[in-house]
């Protein structure tokens, strides 16, 4: 389950926590869109929240003062301040599935700790100019935090907004492709220049995947517009689709040693 907690003063504290759903994610940039139903938000809370103004990370200058907002160490909302230490800093981090991702970040000495990730980095006008992401944690390193520039994040958010919101389907009604997906090791990516995704290791005869044209060795990189970077991502996403639903699946298929992108429509079957 997922919930959103609004940090305002409400007449009824129970109104502050609202059930939420993940609309879409971009694991390569550590970004996601979370949605709540307007009907679930009380009138009292609605009257006290507002949309944050978005600035431009392109306008940032070295030494400019910034503020980081987050939930450091899970203690509740906290605010730290610092300056812009560097721009377009190339940062490589390891993802949960053991792969590495490199992005250009804003470097700041504002304290960014576990729990700040996903929080706002603001300029002195209160405008959103970055999304707090990671902290350099090597021994002896202090004051090196990183944020995703908002000019990088906004086009990704616009794409994720187009994904249809879905609710988790009861397990006995869920659709199945009929494949066994596995992760791709970092070594395989380097040696064979394989893209990130869910590798189709096996497929069953007469399955939805086989009928649609998926083949063993294909790499699923998107499902219904949602980026798939691992087998776990695919399993997670399949919870939202009932048997009989037709979804567009983007794959990379090897051809003469090169991977080529294709989109295949799959009508999900029932679990046998």
Protein backbone atom coordinates (compact mmCIF):
# COMPACT_ATOMS: atom_id res chain seq x y z
CA UNK A 1 0.00 0.00 0.00
CA UNK A 2 1.00 3.61 -0.55
CA UNK A 3 -0.22 6.79 1.10
CA UNK A 4 0.39 10.53 0.86
CA UNK A 5 0.55 12.65 4.01
CA UNK A 6 -0.21 16.36 3.63
CA UNK A 7 1.85 18.54 5.99
CA UNK A 8 -0.81 21.13 6.87
CA UNK A 9 -2.81 21.87 10.01
CA UNK A 10 -6.16 20.10 9.67
CA UNK A 11 -9.20 20.02 11.94
CA UNK A 12 -9.14 16.21 11.74
CA UNK A 13 -5.66 14.64 11.64
CA UNK A 14 -7.09 11.57 9.88
CA UNK A 15 -7.74 13.78 6.83
CA UNK A 16 -4.01 14.30 6.34
CA UNK A 17 -3.29 10.75 5.11
CA UNK A 18 -4.77 9.71 1.75
CA UNK A 19 -4.41 6.42 -0.19
CA UNK A 20 -2.31 6.77 -3.32
CA UNK A 21 -1.22 4.89 -6.43
CA UNK A 22 1.95 4.95 -8.52
CA UNK A 23 1.03 6.30 -11.95
CA UNK A 24 4.41 5.78 -13.57
CA UNK A 25 8.11 5.48 -12.80
CA UNK A 26 11.44 6.17 -14.47
CA UNK A 27 14.00 4.04 -12.56
CA UNK A 28 16.88 5.40 -14.64
CA UNK A 29 16.28 8.88 -13.21
CA UNK A 30 14.88 7.82 -9.81
CA UNK A 31 11.59 9.59 -10.58
CA UNK A 32 7.92 8.68 -10.23
CA UNK A 33 4.46 10.20 -10.29
CA UNK A 34 2.14 9.34 -7.41
CA UNK A 35 -1.58 10.07 -7.72
CA UNK A 36 -4.37 10.58 -5.20
CA UNK A 37 -8.08 10.92 -5.89
CA UNK A 38 -9.40 14.45 -5.40
CA UNK A 39 -12.53 12.96 -3.86
CA UNK A 40 -10.37 11.43 -1.08
CA UNK A 41 -8.99 14.82 -0.02
CA UNK A 42 -11.14 16.70 2.49
CA UNK A 43 -12.30 20.24 1.72
CA UNK A 44 -10.34 21.42 4.75
CA UNK A 45 -7.05 20.03 3.38
CA UNK A 46 -7.82 21.18 -0.18
CA UNK A 47 -8.18 24.76 1.05
CA UNK A 48 -4.68 24.68 2.59
CA UNK A 49 -2.56 23.10 -0.13
CA UNK A 50 -1.31 24.67 -3.34
CA UNK A 51 0.71 23.70 -6.39
CA UNK A 52 4.43 24.43 -6.11
CA UNK A 53 5.81 26.92 -8.62
CA UNK A 54 8.38 25.40 -10.97
CA UNK A 55 11.56 27.32 -11.75
CA UNK A 56 14.41 26.57 -14.14
CA UNK A 57 17.59 24.70 -13.29
CA UNK A 58 19.20 26.24 -16.39
CA UNK A 59 19.16 29.63 -14.64
CA UNK A 60 21.11 28.41 -11.60
CA UNK A 61 24.52 29.88 -10.83
CA UNK A 62 27.39 28.58 -8.70
CA UNK A 63 27.14 29.88 -5.17
CA UNK A 64 23.39 30.52 -5.40
CA UNK A 65 21.57 29.70 -2.18
CA UNK A 66 19.13 26.76 -2.19
CA UNK A 67 16.84 25.00 0.28
CA UNK A 68 16.26 21.23 0.50
CA UNK A 69 13.00 19.90 1.91
CA UNK A 70 12.45 16.26 2.83
CA UNK A 71 11.78 13.65 5.47
CA UNK A 72 15.31 13.09 6.75
CA UNK A 73 15.70 9.70 8.48
CA UNK A 74 11.90 9.41 8.57
CA UNK A 75 11.55 11.85 11.48
CA UNK A 76 9.12 14.12 9.61
CA UNK A 77 9.44 17.13 7.37
CA UNK A 78 12.78 18.93 7.66
CA UNK A 79 14.47 21.83 5.90
CA UNK A 80 18.19 22.38 5.23
CA UNK A 81 19.96 25.14 3.36
CA UNK A 82 23.17 25.48 1.36
CA UNK A 83 24.53 26.70 -1.96
CA UNK A 84 24.87 25.34 -5.48
CA UNK A 85 28.36 23.79 -5.41
CA UNK A 86 28.46 22.55 -9.01
CA UNK A 87 26.24 22.17 -12.07
CA UNK A 88 26.03 19.28 -14.56
CA UNK A 89 28.01 17.06 -12.20
CA UNK A 90 28.17 13.53 -13.65
CA UNK A 91 27.11 11.11 -10.92
CA UNK A 92 26.98 7.29 -11.14
CA UNK A 93 24.89 5.32 -8.65
CA UNK A 94 24.01 1.66 -8.22
CA UNK A 95 20.32 0.76 -8.51
CA UNK A 96 18.42 -1.80 -6.45
CA UNK A 97 18.86 -4.43 -9.17
CA UNK A 98 22.66 -4.05 -9.13
CA UNK A 99 22.95 -1.98 -12.31
CA UNK A 100 24.61 1.44 -12.53
CA UNK A 101 22.99 4.64 -13.82
CA UNK A 102 24.79 7.87 -14.67
CA UNK A 103 23.04 11.26 -14.72
CA UNK A 104 24.06 14.91 -14.69
CA UNK A 105 23.13 16.42 -11.33
CA UNK A 106 23.09 19.63 -9.34
CA UNK A 107 25.66 19.41 -6.52
CA UNK A 108 24.83 21.19 -3.27
CA UNK A 109 26.22 21.34 0.25
CA UNK A 110 22.69 21.47 1.70
CA UNK A 111 22.39 18.38 3.91
CA UNK A 112 20.71 15.54 2.00
CA UNK A 113 20.22 12.36 4.02
CA UNK A 114 18.13 9.17 3.68
CA UNK A 115 14.53 10.35 3.58
CA UNK A 116 15.36 13.53 1.64
CA UNK A 117 15.34 11.62 -1.64
CA UNK A 118 12.38 12.72 -3.72
CA UNK A 119 12.07 15.97 -1.80
CA UNK A 120 12.22 19.44 -3.28
CA UNK A 121 15.30 21.57 -3.91
CA UNK A 122 14.18 25.20 -4.02
CA UNK A 123 15.72 28.53 -5.00
CA UNK A 124 15.26 31.63 -2.86
CA UNK A 125 12.01 32.45 -4.70
CA UNK A 126 10.53 29.19 -3.40
CA UNK A 127 10.55 27.71 -6.91
CA UNK A 128 11.26 24.03 -7.52
CA UNK A 129 14.61 23.72 -9.32
CA UNK A 130 15.58 20.13 -8.48
CA UNK A 131 14.56 16.79 -6.97
CA UNK A 132 16.84 15.64 -4.15
CA UNK A 133 18.37 12.30 -5.04
CA UNK A 134 21.61 11.06 -3.50
CA UNK A 135 24.40 11.92 -1.09
CA UNK A 136 28.09 11.11 -1.42
CA UNK A 137 28.65 8.83 1.58
CA UNK A 138 32.32 7.85 1.33
CA UNK A 139 34.37 8.08 4.50
CA UNK A 140 35.61 11.63 5.08
CA UNK A 141 33.21 13.19 2.57
CA UNK A 142 30.89 15.92 3.83
CA UNK A 143 28.57 18.40 2.17
CA UNK A 144 28.17 16.68 -1.19
CA UNK A 145 24.53 16.11 -2.02
CA UNK A 146 22.97 15.80 -5.46
CA UNK A 147 19.65 16.69 -7.04
CA UNK A 148 18.07 15.94 -10.40
CA UNK A 149 17.71 19.24 -12.32
CA UNK A 150 14.05 20.16 -12.78
CA UNK A 151 14.66 20.84 -16.47
CA UNK A 152 15.65 17.17 -16.78
CA UNK A 153 12.74 15.93 -14.66
CA UNK A 154 9.84 17.89 -16.18
CA UNK A 155 9.84 16.24 -19.65
CA UNK A 156 9.90 12.86 -17.88
CA UNK A 157 6.97 13.90 -15.66
CA UNK A 158 5.02 15.05 -18.73
CA UNK A 159 5.50 11.63 -20.32
CA UNK A 160 4.57 9.78 -17.13
CA UNK A 161 1.41 11.88 -16.76
CA UNK A 162 0.06 10.32 -19.96
CA UNK A 163 0.11 6.82 -18.46
CA UNK A 164 -3.36 5.61 -17.51
CA UNK A 165 -3.86 5.31 -13.75
CA UNK A 166 -4.72 1.75 -12.74
CA UNK A 167 -5.71 -0.07 -9.57
CA UNK A 168 -4.18 -3.37 -8.47
CA UNK A 169 -6.25 -6.30 -9.76
CA UNK A 170 -7.31 -9.18 -7.52
CA UNK A 171 -4.82 -12.02 -7.87
CA UNK A 172 -7.36 -14.50 -9.26
CA UNK A 173 -8.27 -12.05 -12.06
CA UNK A 174 -4.79 -10.95 -13.10
CA UNK A 175 -3.51 -11.40 -16.61
CA UNK A 176 -0.42 -13.39 -17.55
CA UNK A 177 2.00 -13.27 -20.45
CA UNK A 178 3.28 -16.81 -19.97
CA UNK A 179 6.96 -15.93 -19.78
CA UNK A 180 9.78 -16.30 -17.27
CA UNK A 181 11.65 -12.98 -17.08
CA UNK A 182 15.13 -12.64 -15.56
CA UNK A 183 17.46 -9.73 -14.86
CA UNK A 184 20.37 -8.83 -17.11
CA UNK A 185 23.73 -8.71 -15.37
CA UNK A 186 25.94 -5.67 -15.68
CA UNK A 187 28.61 -7.93 -17.23
CA UNK A 188 26.21 -9.06 -19.98
CA UNK A 189 25.29 -5.46 -20.70
CA UNK A 190 28.92 -4.51 -21.15
CA UNK A 191 29.96 -7.56 -23.17
CA UNK A 192 26.91 -7.79 -25.45
CA UNK A 193 25.77 -4.16 -25.31
CA UNK A 194 22.38 -5.27 -23.97
CA UNK A 195 19.82 -2.67 -22.85
CA UNK A 196 18.23 -2.64 -19.38
CA UNK A 197 14.96 -4.51 -19.07
CA UNK A 198 13.34 -7.86 -18.32
CA UNK A 199 15.01 -10.64 -20.36
CA UNK A 200 12.59 -13.27 -21.69
CA UNK A 201 14.31 -16.46 -20.54
CA UNK A 202 11.41 -18.83 -21.26
CA UNK A 203 7.90 -18.73 -22.67
CA UNK A 204 5.21 -21.38 -22.54
CA UNK A 205 3.54 -22.84 -25.61
CA UNK A 206 0.33 -21.15 -26.73
CA UNK A 207 0.88 -18.38 -24.17
CA UNK A 208 -0.24 -14.77 -24.63
CA UNK A 209 3.40 -13.81 -25.27
CA UNK A 210 3.92 -16.47 -27.95
CA UNK A 211 0.61 -15.62 -29.66
CA UNK A 212 1.60 -11.92 -29.77
CA UNK A 213 5.03 -12.67 -31.23
CA UNK A 214 7.38 -12.31 -28.23
CA UNK A 215 10.38 -14.60 -28.43
CA UNK A 216 12.91 -16.07 -26.06
CA UNK A 217 15.80 -13.62 -25.85
CA UNK A 218 13.66 -10.48 -26.25
CA UNK A 219 14.20 -7.74 -23.66
CA UNK A 220 11.08 -5.97 -22.39
CA UNK A 221 11.90 -2.29 -21.77
CA UNK A 222 8.40 -0.77 -21.46
CA UNK A 223 4.91 -1.96 -20.69
CA UNK A 224 1.94 0.30 -21.33
CA UNK A 225 4.31 3.29 -21.35
CA UNK A 226 5.96 2.36 -18.03
CA UNK A 227 9.74 1.78 -18.09
CA UNK A 228 10.76 -1.77 -17.21
CA UNK A 229 14.38 -2.08 -16.06
CA UNK A 230 14.29 -5.50 -14.38
CA UNK A 231 12.23 -8.67 -13.95
CA UNK A 232 10.96 -7.29 -10.65
CA UNK A 233 9.65 -4.19 -12.45
CA UNK A 234 7.68 -6.42 -14.81
CA UNK A 235 6.21 -8.54 -11.98
CA UNK A 236 5.28 -5.34 -10.15
CA UNK A 237 3.54 -3.87 -13.19
CA UNK A 238 1.59 -7.04 -14.01
CA UNK A 239 -0.44 -6.56 -10.80
CA UNK A 240 -2.42 -3.80 -12.53
CA UNK A 241 -3.77 -5.75 -15.52
CA UNK A 242 -6.66 -8.19 -15.71
CA UNK A 243 -6.83 -11.20 -18.02
CA UNK A 244 -8.10 -10.15 -21.43
CA UNK A 245 -6.48 -6.70 -21.29
CA UNK A 246 -4.42 -5.73 -24.34
CA UNK A 247 -1.23 -3.80 -23.58
CA UNK A 248 1.57 -2.43 -25.75
CA UNK A 249 4.93 -3.94 -24.83
CA UNK A 250 8.14 -2.34 -26.09
CA UNK A 251 10.95 -4.83 -26.63
CA UNK A 252 14.54 -4.84 -27.81
CA UNK A 253 15.27 -7.76 -30.14
CA UNK A 254 18.72 -8.83 -31.27
CA UNK A 255 19.26 -8.71 -35.03
CA UNK A 256 22.71 -9.34 -36.50
CA UNK A 257 24.31 -8.46 -33.19
CA UNK A 258 22.38 -5.21 -32.77
CA UNK A 259 19.30 -4.62 -30.63
CA UNK A 260 16.32 -3.06 -32.42
CA UNK A 261 13.22 -1.65 -30.74
CA UNK A 262 9.78 -3.04 -31.54
CA UNK A 263 6.31 -2.55 -30.07
CA UNK A 264 4.09 -5.62 -29.70
CA UNK A 265 0.47 -5.68 -28.54
CA UNK A 266 -0.15 -8.50 -26.06
CA UNK A 267 -3.61 -9.67 -24.97
CA UNK A 268 -3.00 -11.08 -21.52
CA UNK A 269 -4.23 -14.59 -20.75
CA UNK A 270 -5.32 -16.35 -17.58
CA UNK A 271 -3.04 -18.30 -15.26
CA UNK A 272 -3.31 -22.02 -15.98
